[in-house]
């Protein structure tokens, strides 16, 4: 109960940072290789 309020803040900050970095990488990959990733999904999972 004591560490409950601190964990969501760190989790959300990590998720936001991870999503921003991953979206930036995916955007670079999609723009760098449009011919190869145009038909497929821009982010190879």
PDB file of N, CA and C in Angstrom:
ATOM      1  N   UNK A   1       0.838  -1.214   0.000  1.00  0.00           N
ATOM      2  CA  UNK A   1       0.000   0.000   0.000  1.00  0.00           C
ATOM      3  C   UNK A   1       0.873   1.265   0.000  1.00  0.00           C
ATOM      4  N   UNK A   2       2.023   1.213   0.647  1.00  0.00           N
ATOM      5  CA  UNK A   2       2.843   2.413   0.729  1.00  0.00           C
ATOM      6  C   UNK A   2       3.525   2.713  -0.606  1.00  0.00           C
ATOM      7  N   UNK A   3       3.938   1.674  -1.320  1.00  0.00           N
ATOM      8  CA  UNK A   3       4.647   1.888  -2.588  1.00  0.00           C
ATOM      9  C   UNK A   3       3.690   1.898  -3.777  1.00  0.00           C
ATOM     10  N   UNK A   4       2.385   1.822  -3.505  1.00  0.00           N
ATOM     11  CA  UNK A   4       1.416   1.783  -4.605  1.00  0.00           C
ATOM     12  C   UNK A   4       1.389   3.082  -5.411  1.00  0.00           C
ATOM     13  N   UNK A   5       1.378   4.267  -4.766  1.00  0.00           N
ATOM     14  CA  UNK A   5       1.297   5.502  -5.556  1.00  0.00           C
ATOM     15  C   UNK A   5       2.546   5.770  -6.391  1.00  0.00           C
ATOM     16  N   UNK A   6       3.691   5.241  -5.990  1.00  0.00           N
ATOM     17  CA  UNK A   6       4.935   5.543  -6.704  1.00  0.00           C
ATOM     18  C   UNK A   6       5.106   4.654  -7.936  1.00  0.00           C
ATOM     19  N   UNK A   7       4.577   3.442  -7.885  1.00  0.00           N
ATOM     20  CA  UNK A   7       4.797   2.515  -9.001  1.00  0.00           C
ATOM     21  C   UNK A   7       4.083   2.937 -10.291  1.00  0.00           C
ATOM     22  N   UNK A   8       2.807   3.356 -10.234  1.00  0.00           N
ATOM     23  CA  UNK A   8       2.134   3.745 -11.481  1.00  0.00           C
ATOM     24  C   UNK A   8       2.812   4.916 -12.183  1.00  0.00           C
ATOM     25  N   UNK A   9       3.366   5.848 -11.405  1.00  0.00           N
ATOM     26  CA  UNK A   9       4.035   7.002 -12.013  1.00  0.00           C
ATOM     27  C   UNK A   9       5.262   6.535 -12.774  1.00  0.00           C
ATOM     28  N   UNK A  10       6.054   5.658 -12.165  1.00  0.00           N
ATOM     29  CA  UNK A  10       7.252   5.172 -12.848  1.00  0.00           C
ATOM     30  C   UNK A  10       6.868   4.322 -14.054  1.00  0.00           C
ATOM     31  N   UNK A  11       5.835   3.503 -13.896  1.00  0.00           N
ATOM     32  CA  UNK A  11       5.414   2.632 -14.997  1.00  0.00           C
ATOM     33  C   UNK A  11       4.932   3.468 -16.176  1.00  0.00           C
ATOM     34  N   UNK A  12       4.124   4.483 -15.889  1.00  0.00           N
ATOM     35  CA  UNK A  12       3.605   5.315 -16.979  1.00  0.00           C
ATOM     36  C   UNK A  12       4.735   6.082 -17.655  1.00  0.00           C
ATOM     37  N   UNK A  13       5.687   6.571 -16.879  1.00  0.00           N
ATOM     38  CA  UNK A  13       6.803   7.310 -17.465  1.00  0.00           C
ATOM     39  C   UNK A  13       7.652   6.393 -18.341  1.00  0.00           C
ATOM     40  N   UNK A  14       7.876   5.160 -17.878  1.00  0.00           N
ATOM     41  CA  UNK A  14       8.646   4.211 -18.678  1.00  0.00           C
ATOM     42  C   UNK A  14       7.893   3.837 -19.947  1.00  0.00           C
ATOM     43  N   UNK A  15       6.590   3.637 -19.818  1.00  0.00           N
ATOM     44  CA  UNK A  15       5.792   3.278 -20.998  1.00  0.00           C
ATOM     45  C   UNK A  15       5.779   4.425 -21.997  1.00  0.00           C
ATOM     46  N   UNK A  16       5.625   5.650 -21.502  1.00  0.00           N
ATOM     47  CA  UNK A  16       5.613   6.811 -22.404  1.00  0.00           C
ATOM     48  C   UNK A  16       6.967   6.946 -23.108  1.00  0.00           C
ATOM     49  N   UNK A  17       8.035   6.825 -22.358  1.00  0.00           N
ATOM     50  CA  UNK A  17       9.360   6.928 -22.961  1.00  0.00           C
ATOM     51  C   UNK A  17       9.618   5.796 -23.948  1.00  0.00           C
ATOM     52  N   UNK A  18       9.174   4.605 -23.602  1.00  0.00           N
ATOM     53  CA  UNK A  18       9.384   3.455 -24.493  1.00  0.00           C
ATOM     54  C   UNK A  18       8.577   3.617 -25.765  1.00  0.00           C
ATOM     55  N   UNK A  19       7.328   4.065 -25.633  1.00  0.00           N
ATOM     56  CA  UNK A  19       6.484   4.230 -26.821  1.00  0.00           C
ATOM     57  C   UNK A  19       7.025   5.342 -27.712  1.00  0.00           C
ATOM     58  N   UNK A  20       7.523   6.416 -27.105  1.00  0.00           N
ATOM     59  CA  UNK A  20       8.075   7.505 -27.907  1.00  0.00           C
ATOM     60  C   UNK A  20       9.313   7.036 -28.661  1.00  0.00           C
ATOM     61  N   UNK A  21      10.209   6.352 -27.971  1.00  0.00           N
ATOM     62  CA  UNK A  21      11.432   5.870 -28.618  1.00  0.00           C
ATOM     63  C   UNK A  21      11.116   4.846 -29.704  1.00  0.00           C
ATOM     64  N   UNK A  22      10.192   3.928 -29.411  1.00  0.00           N
ATOM     65  CA  UNK A  22       9.853   2.887 -30.385  1.00  0.00           C
ATOM     66  C   UNK A  22       9.148   3.482 -31.583  1.00  0.00           C
ATOM     67  N   UNK A  23       8.260   4.466 -31.350  1.00  0.00           N
ATOM     68  CA  UNK A  23       7.565   5.116 -32.469  1.00  0.00           C
ATOM     69  C   UNK A  23       8.565   5.885 -33.331  1.00  0.00           C
ATOM     70  N   UNK A  24       9.575   6.472 -32.702  1.00  0.00           N
ATOM     71  CA  UNK A  24      10.600   7.196 -33.456  1.00  0.00           C
ATOM     72  C   UNK A  24      11.410   6.224 -34.307  1.00  0.00           C
ATOM     73  N   UNK A  25      11.785   5.081 -33.732  1.00  0.00           N
ATOM     74  CA  UNK A  25      12.549   4.073 -34.474  1.00  0.00           C
ATOM     75  C   UNK A  25      11.707   3.517 -35.611  1.00  0.00           C
ATOM     76  N   UNK A  26      10.427   3.232 -35.311  1.00  0.00           N
ATOM     77  CA  UNK A  26       9.541   2.691 -36.351  1.00  0.00           C
ATOM     78  C   UNK A  26       9.352   3.714 -37.463  1.00  0.00           C
ATOM     79  N   UNK A  27       9.252   4.993 -37.088  1.00  0.00           N
ATOM     80  CA  UNK A  27       9.085   6.035 -38.095  1.00  0.00           C
ATOM     81  C   UNK A  27      10.335   6.126 -38.971  1.00  0.00           C
ATOM     82  N   UNK A  28      11.514   6.028 -38.365  1.00  0.00           N
ATOM     83  CA  UNK A  28      12.761   6.079 -39.141  1.00  0.00           C
ATOM     84  C   UNK A  28      12.853   4.886 -40.073  1.00  0.00           C
ATOM     85  N   UNK A  29      12.495   3.700 -39.581  1.00  0.00           N
ATOM     86  CA  UNK A  29      12.552   2.502 -40.419  1.00  0.00           C
ATOM     87  C   UNK A  29      11.556   2.631 -41.571  1.00  0.00           C
ATOM     88  N   UNK A  30      10.357   3.121 -41.258  1.00  0.00           N
ATOM     89  CA  UNK A  30       9.331   3.245 -42.293  1.00  0.00           C
ATOM     90  C   UNK A  30       9.714   4.275 -43.342  1.00  0.00           C
ATOM     91  N   UNK A  31      10.372   5.358 -42.928  1.00  0.00           N
ATOM     92  CA  UNK A  31      10.735   6.399 -43.882  1.00  0.00           C
ATOM     93  C   UNK A  31      12.032   6.049 -44.604  1.00  0.00           C
ATOM     94  N   UNK A  32      12.906   5.289 -43.935  1.00  0.00           N
ATOM     95  CA  UNK A  32      14.179   4.936 -44.559  1.00  0.00           C
ATOM     96  C   UNK A  32      13.980   3.855 -45.627  1.00  0.00           C
ATOM     97  N   UNK A  33      13.039   2.927 -45.374  1.00  0.00           N
ATOM     98  CA  UNK A  33      12.808   1.846 -46.329  1.00  0.00           C
ATOM     99  C   UNK A  33      11.314   1.766 -46.672  1.00  0.00           C
ATOM    100  N   UNK A  34      10.804   2.734 -47.450  1.00  0.00           N
ATOM    101  CA  UNK A  34       9.376   2.720 -47.777  1.00  0.00           C
ATOM    102  C   UNK A  34       9.014   1.618 -48.767  1.00  0.00           C
ATOM    103  N   UNK A  35       9.939   1.258 -49.629  1.00  0.00           N
ATOM    104  CA  UNK A  35       9.639   0.254 -50.651  1.00  0.00           C
ATOM    105  C   UNK A  35       9.524  -1.130 -50.024  1.00  0.00           C
ATOM    106  N   UNK A  36      10.333  -1.392 -49.007  1.00  0.00           N
ATOM    107  CA  UNK A  36      10.349  -2.733 -48.407  1.00  0.00           C
ATOM    108  C   UNK A  36       9.227  -2.892 -47.385  1.00  0.00           C
ATOM    109  N   UNK A  37       8.859  -1.796 -46.696  1.00  0.00           N
ATOM    110  CA  UNK A  37       7.854  -1.896 -45.636  1.00  0.00           C
ATOM    111  C   UNK A  37       6.526  -1.253 -46.033  1.00  0.00           C
ATOM    112  N   UNK A  38       6.361  -0.934 -47.323  1.00  0.00           N
ATOM    113  CA  UNK A  38       5.128  -0.264 -47.737  1.00  0.00           C
ATOM    114  C   UNK A  38       3.945  -1.220 -47.648  1.00  0.00           C
ATOM    115  N   UNK A  39       4.089  -2.453 -48.146  1.00  0.00           N
ATOM    116  CA  UNK A  39       2.982  -3.409 -48.134  1.00  0.00           C
ATOM    117  C   UNK A  39       2.872  -4.101 -46.776  1.00  0.00           C
ATOM    118  N   UNK A  40       4.010  -4.384 -46.166  1.00  0.00           N
ATOM    119  CA  UNK A  40       3.989  -5.038 -44.858  1.00  0.00           C
ATOM    120  C   UNK A  40       3.790  -3.996 -43.765  1.00  0.00           C
ATOM    121  N   UNK A  41       3.677  -4.458 -42.529  1.00  0.00           N
ATOM    122  CA  UNK A  41       3.518  -3.522 -41.421  1.00  0.00           C
ATOM    123  C   UNK A  41       4.838  -2.774 -41.207  1.00  0.00           C
ATOM    124  N   UNK A  42       4.806  -1.474 -40.921  1.00  0.00           N
ATOM    125  CA  UNK A  42       6.033  -0.676 -40.769  1.00  0.00           C
ATOM    126  C   UNK A  42       6.896  -1.144 -39.602  1.00  0.00           C
ATOM    127  N   UNK A  43       6.280  -1.875 -38.649  1.00  0.00           N
ATOM    128  CA  UNK A  43       7.050  -2.332 -37.492  1.00  0.00           C
ATOM    129  C   UNK A  43       7.112  -3.852 -37.490  1.00  0.00           C
ATOM    130  N   UNK A  44       8.271  -4.426 -37.778  1.00  0.00           N
ATOM    131  CA  UNK A  44       8.395  -5.894 -37.749  1.00  0.00           C
ATOM    132  C   UNK A  44       8.306  -6.425 -36.331  1.00  0.00           C
ATOM    133  N   UNK A  45       7.260  -7.151 -36.015  1.00  0.00           N
ATOM    134  CA  UNK A  45       7.098  -7.677 -34.658  1.00  0.00           C
ATOM    135  C   UNK A  45       7.744  -9.047 -34.564  1.00  0.00           C
TER     136      UNK A  45
END
